[in-house]
N, C-alpha and C. Protein backbone atom coordinates (compact mmCIF):
# COMPACT_ATOMS: atom_id res chain seq x y z
N MET A 1 -6.90 -10.66 -19.75
CA MET A 1 -6.92 -9.78 -20.67
C MET A 1 -5.45 -8.65 -20.67
N THR A 2 -5.62 -8.09 -21.68
CA THR A 2 -4.47 -7.64 -22.42
C THR A 2 -4.13 -6.06 -21.62
N GLU A 3 -2.85 -5.44 -21.49
CA GLU A 3 -2.84 -4.49 -21.33
C GLU A 3 -2.96 -3.36 -22.28
N ARG A 4 -3.40 -3.85 -23.49
CA ARG A 4 -4.49 -3.05 -24.80
C ARG A 4 -5.58 -3.70 -24.20
N ALA A 5 -6.34 -3.76 -24.13
CA ALA A 5 -7.51 -4.33 -23.73
C ALA A 5 -7.70 -3.32 -22.79
N LEU A 6 -7.52 -4.10 -21.73
CA LEU A 6 -6.88 -2.20 -20.42
C LEU A 6 -7.02 -0.76 -21.30
N GLN A 7 -6.40 -0.43 -21.61
CA GLN A 7 -6.26 0.40 -21.86
C GLN A 7 -7.55 1.26 -22.52
N ASP A 8 -7.50 0.47 -23.32
CA ASP A 8 -8.90 0.61 -24.58
C ASP A 8 -9.45 1.09 -23.87
N ALA A 9 -10.02 0.17 -22.64
CA ALA A 9 -11.64 0.39 -21.88
C ALA A 9 -11.58 1.24 -21.40
N ILE A 10 -10.24 1.68 -20.69
CA ILE A 10 -10.06 2.72 -19.48
C ILE A 10 -10.20 3.74 -20.26
N VAL A 11 -9.31 3.98 -21.12
CA VAL A 11 -9.05 5.76 -22.73
C VAL A 11 -10.81 5.34 -23.20
N ALA A 12 -11.83 4.31 -23.30
CA ALA A 12 -13.29 4.93 -24.16
C ALA A 12 -13.86 5.07 -22.27
N ALA A 13 -14.10 4.84 -21.71
CA ALA A 13 -14.59 4.42 -20.06
C ALA A 13 -14.21 6.63 -20.01
N ALA A 14 -13.25 7.10 -19.94
CA ALA A 14 -12.36 8.44 -19.36
C ALA A 14 -13.23 9.50 -20.01
N ARG A 15 -13.48 9.43 -21.79
CA ARG A 15 -13.71 10.13 -22.61
C ARG A 15 -15.22 9.91 -22.65
N LEU A 16 -15.49 8.37 -22.12
CA LEU A 16 -17.36 8.73 -22.09
C LEU A 16 -17.25 10.59 -21.25
N LEU A 17 -17.00 10.04 -19.60
CA LEU A 17 -16.58 11.26 -18.48
C LEU A 17 -16.10 12.32 -19.03
N GLY A 18 -15.75 12.15 -20.16
CA GLY A 18 -14.88 14.21 -20.42
C GLY A 18 -13.91 14.50 -20.14
N TRP A 19 -12.71 12.84 -19.94
CA TRP A 19 -11.25 12.98 -20.03
C TRP A 19 -10.99 13.67 -21.24
N ARG A 20 -9.14 14.23 -20.98
CA ARG A 20 -8.88 14.64 -21.86
C ARG A 20 -7.40 13.33 -21.64
N VAL A 21 -7.00 12.41 -22.96
CA VAL A 21 -5.82 11.34 -22.63
C VAL A 21 -4.92 11.22 -22.90
N ALA A 22 -4.03 10.76 -22.20
CA ALA A 22 -2.58 11.49 -23.38
C ALA A 22 -1.98 9.73 -23.45
N HIS A 23 -1.33 9.45 -24.44
CA HIS A 23 -0.44 7.88 -24.32
C HIS A 23 -0.07 7.78 -25.06
N PHE A 24 1.71 7.93 -24.92
CA PHE A 24 3.00 7.60 -26.05
C PHE A 24 2.75 6.23 -26.09
N ARG A 25 2.70 5.85 -27.94
CA ARG A 25 2.94 4.92 -28.02
C ARG A 25 4.25 4.36 -28.67
N PRO A 26 4.85 3.20 -27.88
CA PRO A 26 5.88 2.37 -28.94
C PRO A 26 6.22 1.73 -30.58
N ALA A 27 6.86 2.48 -31.39
CA ALA A 27 6.70 1.97 -31.84
C ALA A 27 7.91 0.44 -32.23
N TRP A 28 7.78 -0.09 -33.28
CA TRP A 28 8.81 -0.98 -33.69
C TRP A 28 10.35 -0.48 -34.32
N THR A 29 11.37 -0.33 -33.45
CA THR A 29 12.57 -0.27 -34.82
C THR A 29 13.63 -2.15 -35.09
N GLU A 30 14.39 -1.26 -35.64
CA GLU A 30 15.88 -2.58 -35.67
C GLU A 30 16.16 -3.29 -34.10
N LYS A 31 15.81 -2.27 -33.13
CA LYS A 31 16.55 -2.31 -32.00
C LYS A 31 15.41 -3.06 -31.01
N GLY A 32 13.90 -3.45 -31.61
CA GLY A 32 13.27 -3.80 -30.96
C GLY A 32 11.74 -2.77 -30.51
N TRP A 33 11.08 -2.80 -29.59
CA TRP A 33 9.94 -1.90 -29.65
C TRP A 33 10.11 -0.55 -28.96
N ARG A 34 10.31 0.23 -29.00
CA ARG A 34 11.05 1.55 -28.27
C ARG A 34 9.90 2.82 -27.77
N THR A 35 9.40 3.70 -27.62
CA THR A 35 8.76 5.26 -27.03
C THR A 35 9.80 6.38 -27.18
N ALA A 36 9.61 6.62 -28.16
CA ALA A 36 10.80 8.39 -28.18
C ALA A 36 10.17 8.95 -27.17
N GLY A 37 12.01 8.83 -26.39
CA GLY A 37 11.14 9.79 -25.01
C GLY A 37 13.06 10.21 -24.75
N SER A 38 13.46 11.49 -24.54
CA SER A 38 14.21 12.10 -23.95
C SER A 38 14.61 11.89 -22.44
N TYR A 39 16.39 11.93 -22.49
CA TYR A 39 16.11 12.68 -20.50
C TYR A 39 15.86 11.03 -19.78
N ASP A 40 14.85 11.82 -19.50
CA ASP A 40 14.19 10.91 -18.08
C ASP A 40 13.63 9.62 -17.96
N ALA A 41 12.92 10.24 -19.72
CA ALA A 41 11.64 9.30 -19.98
C ALA A 41 11.80 8.21 -19.78
N GLN A 42 12.74 6.79 -19.79
CA GLN A 42 12.16 5.51 -19.53
C GLN A 42 11.29 5.27 -18.60
N GLY A 43 10.11 5.11 -18.25
CA GLY A 43 9.42 3.92 -17.66
C GLY A 43 8.22 4.74 -17.51
N TRP A 44 7.63 5.44 -17.87
CA TRP A 44 6.84 7.12 -18.22
C TRP A 44 5.27 6.13 -17.45
N PRO A 45 4.85 6.47 -17.19
CA PRO A 45 3.23 6.04 -16.71
C PRO A 45 2.37 5.90 -17.61
N ASP A 46 1.42 4.80 -18.44
CA ASP A 46 0.81 4.51 -19.77
C ASP A 46 -0.04 5.60 -20.01
N LEU A 47 -0.81 6.11 -19.02
CA LEU A 47 -1.80 7.24 -19.10
C LEU A 47 -1.42 8.67 -18.66
N CYS A 48 -1.35 9.36 -19.09
CA CYS A 48 -2.00 10.96 -17.97
C CYS A 48 -3.30 11.63 -18.61
N LEU A 49 -4.21 11.51 -17.46
CA LEU A 49 -6.08 11.82 -18.02
C LEU A 49 -5.88 12.77 -17.44
N VAL A 50 -7.14 13.66 -17.81
CA VAL A 50 -7.07 15.64 -16.87
C VAL A 50 -8.01 15.90 -17.62
N ARG A 51 -9.23 16.13 -16.29
CA ARG A 51 -10.22 16.68 -16.72
C ARG A 51 -9.87 17.92 -14.77
N GLU A 52 -10.54 18.09 -14.40
CA GLU A 52 -10.74 19.19 -12.91
C GLU A 52 -9.42 18.39 -12.34
N ARG A 53 -8.79 17.50 -13.02
CA ARG A 53 -8.35 17.06 -11.93
C ARG A 53 -6.76 16.53 -13.07
N LEU A 54 -5.64 16.14 -12.30
CA LEU A 54 -4.57 15.09 -12.93
C LEU A 54 -4.14 13.44 -12.74
N LEU A 55 -4.44 12.72 -13.10
CA LEU A 55 -4.54 11.05 -13.10
C LEU A 55 -3.14 10.62 -13.83
N VAL A 56 -2.93 10.43 -13.80
CA VAL A 56 -1.03 9.59 -13.43
C VAL A 56 -1.22 7.97 -13.53
N ARG A 57 -1.21 6.95 -14.95
CA ARG A 57 -1.69 5.77 -14.79
C ARG A 57 -0.98 4.76 -14.88
N GLU A 58 0.01 3.81 -14.68
CA GLU A 58 0.24 2.63 -15.08
C GLU A 58 -0.09 1.89 -15.36
N LEU A 59 -0.64 1.08 -16.17
CA LEU A 59 -1.33 -0.37 -16.29
C LEU A 59 -0.71 -1.57 -16.23
N LYS A 60 -1.28 -2.80 -15.83
CA LYS A 60 -0.27 -3.84 -15.71
C LYS A 60 -2.07 -4.79 -15.78
N CYS A 61 -0.65 -5.76 -16.07
CA CYS A 61 -2.01 -6.57 -16.14
C CYS A 61 -1.59 -8.03 -16.19
N GLY A 62 -2.13 -9.38 -15.89
CA GLY A 62 -1.39 -10.71 -15.32
C GLY A 62 -0.15 -10.35 -14.86
N ARG A 63 0.84 -11.35 -15.12
CA ARG A 63 2.23 -11.48 -13.94
C ARG A 63 3.05 -10.38 -14.18
N ASN A 64 2.07 -9.36 -15.41
CA ASN A 64 3.37 -7.94 -15.02
C ASN A 64 3.84 -6.89 -13.94
N ARG A 65 4.79 -6.46 -13.40
CA ARG A 65 4.58 -6.27 -12.79
C ARG A 65 5.66 -4.47 -13.23
N LEU A 66 5.50 -3.74 -12.29
CA LEU A 66 6.52 -2.39 -11.76
C LEU A 66 8.29 -2.38 -12.16
N SER A 67 8.03 -1.64 -13.53
CA SER A 67 10.46 -1.53 -13.38
C SER A 67 10.44 -0.89 -12.28
N GLU A 68 11.76 -1.13 -12.36
CA GLU A 68 11.90 0.45 -11.25
C GLU A 68 12.13 1.72 -12.19
N GLU A 69 12.03 1.75 -12.99
CA GLU A 69 11.57 3.02 -13.61
C GLU A 69 10.79 3.80 -13.71
N GLN A 70 9.98 2.53 -14.00
CA GLN A 70 8.49 3.34 -13.29
C GLN A 70 7.78 3.17 -12.46
N SER A 71 8.13 2.82 -11.53
CA SER A 71 8.01 2.71 -9.89
C SER A 71 8.69 4.16 -9.59
N THR A 72 10.06 4.47 -9.80
CA THR A 72 10.57 5.72 -9.68
C THR A 72 9.42 6.77 -9.90
N TRP A 73 9.21 6.73 -11.35
CA TRP A 73 8.22 7.38 -11.88
C TRP A 73 6.81 8.01 -11.18
N LEU A 74 6.39 6.74 -10.34
CA LEU A 74 5.17 6.79 -9.70
C LEU A 74 5.66 7.68 -8.96
N GLU A 75 6.80 7.17 -7.95
CA GLU A 75 6.49 7.84 -6.20
C GLU A 75 7.42 9.59 -6.35
N ALA A 76 7.75 9.76 -7.50
CA ALA A 76 8.61 11.47 -7.45
C ALA A 76 6.93 12.14 -8.52
N LEU A 77 5.85 11.61 -9.25
CA LEU A 77 5.00 11.97 -9.13
C LEU A 77 4.51 12.75 -8.03
N SER A 78 4.37 11.42 -7.23
CA SER A 78 2.93 11.40 -5.86
C SER A 78 3.67 12.94 -4.87
N ALA A 79 5.18 12.51 -4.55
CA ALA A 79 5.95 13.80 -4.33
C ALA A 79 5.67 14.84 -4.41
N ALA A 80 4.83 14.71 -5.75
CA ALA A 80 5.41 16.57 -6.18
C ALA A 80 3.16 16.71 -6.50
N GLY A 81 2.83 15.54 -5.44
CA GLY A 81 1.03 16.34 -5.61
C GLY A 81 0.26 15.35 -6.47
N VAL A 82 0.37 14.97 -7.65
CA VAL A 82 0.22 14.60 -8.36
C VAL A 82 -1.03 12.69 -7.43
N ASP A 83 -1.87 12.52 -8.89
CA ASP A 83 -3.15 11.52 -8.15
C ASP A 83 -1.74 10.45 -9.37
N ALA A 84 -1.44 9.61 -8.53
CA ALA A 84 -0.14 8.90 -9.97
C ALA A 84 -1.20 7.68 -9.32
N GLY A 85 -0.45 6.04 -9.76
CA GLY A 85 -0.97 4.97 -9.57
C GLY A 85 -0.78 3.89 -10.27
N VAL A 86 -1.35 2.39 -9.55
CA VAL A 86 -1.42 1.36 -10.75
C VAL A 86 -3.28 0.90 -11.34
N TRP A 87 -3.40 0.84 -12.48
CA TRP A 87 -4.81 0.08 -12.72
C TRP A 87 -4.13 -0.88 -12.48
N THR A 88 -4.58 -2.43 -12.85
CA THR A 88 -4.47 -3.60 -13.23
C THR A 88 -6.24 -3.88 -13.78
N GLU A 89 -6.34 -5.25 -13.82
CA GLU A 89 -7.49 -5.46 -14.88
C GLU A 89 -8.65 -5.42 -13.61
N ARG A 90 -8.29 -5.93 -12.66
CA ARG A 90 -9.26 -6.17 -11.25
C ARG A 90 -9.72 -4.27 -11.38
N ASP A 91 -8.54 -3.60 -10.47
CA ASP A 91 -9.28 -2.76 -10.73
C ASP A 91 -10.29 -2.58 -11.71
N TRP A 92 -10.30 -2.87 -12.64
CA TRP A 92 -11.50 -2.79 -13.98
C TRP A 92 -12.28 -3.08 -13.42
N THR A 93 -12.05 -4.62 -13.75
CA THR A 93 -13.99 -5.35 -13.32
C THR A 93 -14.22 -5.23 -11.99
N SER A 94 -13.40 -4.42 -10.81
CA SER A 94 -14.36 -4.36 -9.93
C SER A 94 -15.04 -2.99 -10.15
N GLY A 95 -14.80 -2.30 -10.41
CA GLY A 95 -15.34 -0.95 -10.77
C GLY A 95 -14.42 0.49 -10.34
N LEU A 96 -13.40 -0.85 -9.12
CA LEU A 96 -12.34 0.93 -8.97
C LEU A 96 -12.24 1.82 -10.03
N VAL A 97 -11.65 1.42 -11.12
CA VAL A 97 -10.98 2.47 -12.43
C VAL A 97 -12.41 3.57 -12.76
N GLU A 98 -13.37 3.11 -12.54
CA GLU A 98 -14.80 4.03 -13.07
C GLU A 98 -15.19 4.81 -11.79
N ALA A 99 -15.34 4.13 -10.62
CA ALA A 99 -15.46 5.28 -9.97
C ALA A 99 -13.99 6.18 -9.42
N GLU A 100 -12.67 5.95 -9.95
CA GLU A 100 -11.96 7.03 -9.74
C GLU A 100 -12.33 8.64 -10.61
N LEU A 101 -12.79 7.71 -11.80
CA LEU A 101 -12.89 8.68 -13.36
C LEU A 101 -14.02 9.46 -12.63
N ARG A 102 -14.92 8.83 -11.73
CA ARG A 102 -16.72 9.82 -11.83
C ARG A 102 -15.74 11.21 -10.25
N ARG A 103 -14.69 10.44 -10.13
CA ARG A 103 -14.83 11.04 -8.43
C ARG A 103 -13.80 12.87 -8.43
N GLU A 104 -15.44 13.56 -8.23
CA GLU A 104 -14.88 15.16 -8.24
C GLU A 104 -12.80 15.53 -7.49
N ARG A 105 -12.71 16.18 -7.65
CA ARG A 105 -12.23 17.33 -7.25
C ARG A 105 -11.69 17.14 -5.74
N ALA A 106 -12.37 17.89 -5.05
CA ALA A 106 -13.42 17.90 -3.79
C ALA A 106 -13.19 16.53 -3.00
N GLN A 107 -13.85 15.07 -3.74
CA GLN A 107 -13.05 13.92 -3.14
C GLN A 107 -11.46 13.73 -3.10
N ALA A 108 -10.63 13.86 -3.71
CA ALA A 108 -10.13 13.33 -4.29
C ALA A 108 -8.80 13.77 -3.32
N ALA A 109 -8.53 14.23 -2.88
CA ALA A 109 -7.63 14.57 -1.26
C ALA A 109 -7.64 13.37 -0.02
């Protein structure tokens, strides 16, 4: 499974369950793939999902690993009380992603 396929599956499930989803897509430039962003934007997680709570997730498939910038963002968001983390294709196939999307705010703490 590619990260794009994982992302598309998660977004489809999230929308069915009433989540609003944001993803900032990179574009091809003369310097390669770039995502528009300023200041400390490098490493911002792949998905922001909002319903009765906020989930911020980086997506990883195969041998892909978190970059230092991605880890720093996830740590900072978690320290600020945001439900931030990583979802992998195993989390998708095991049902963990769906379970987290179905969880209500009171159960999230």
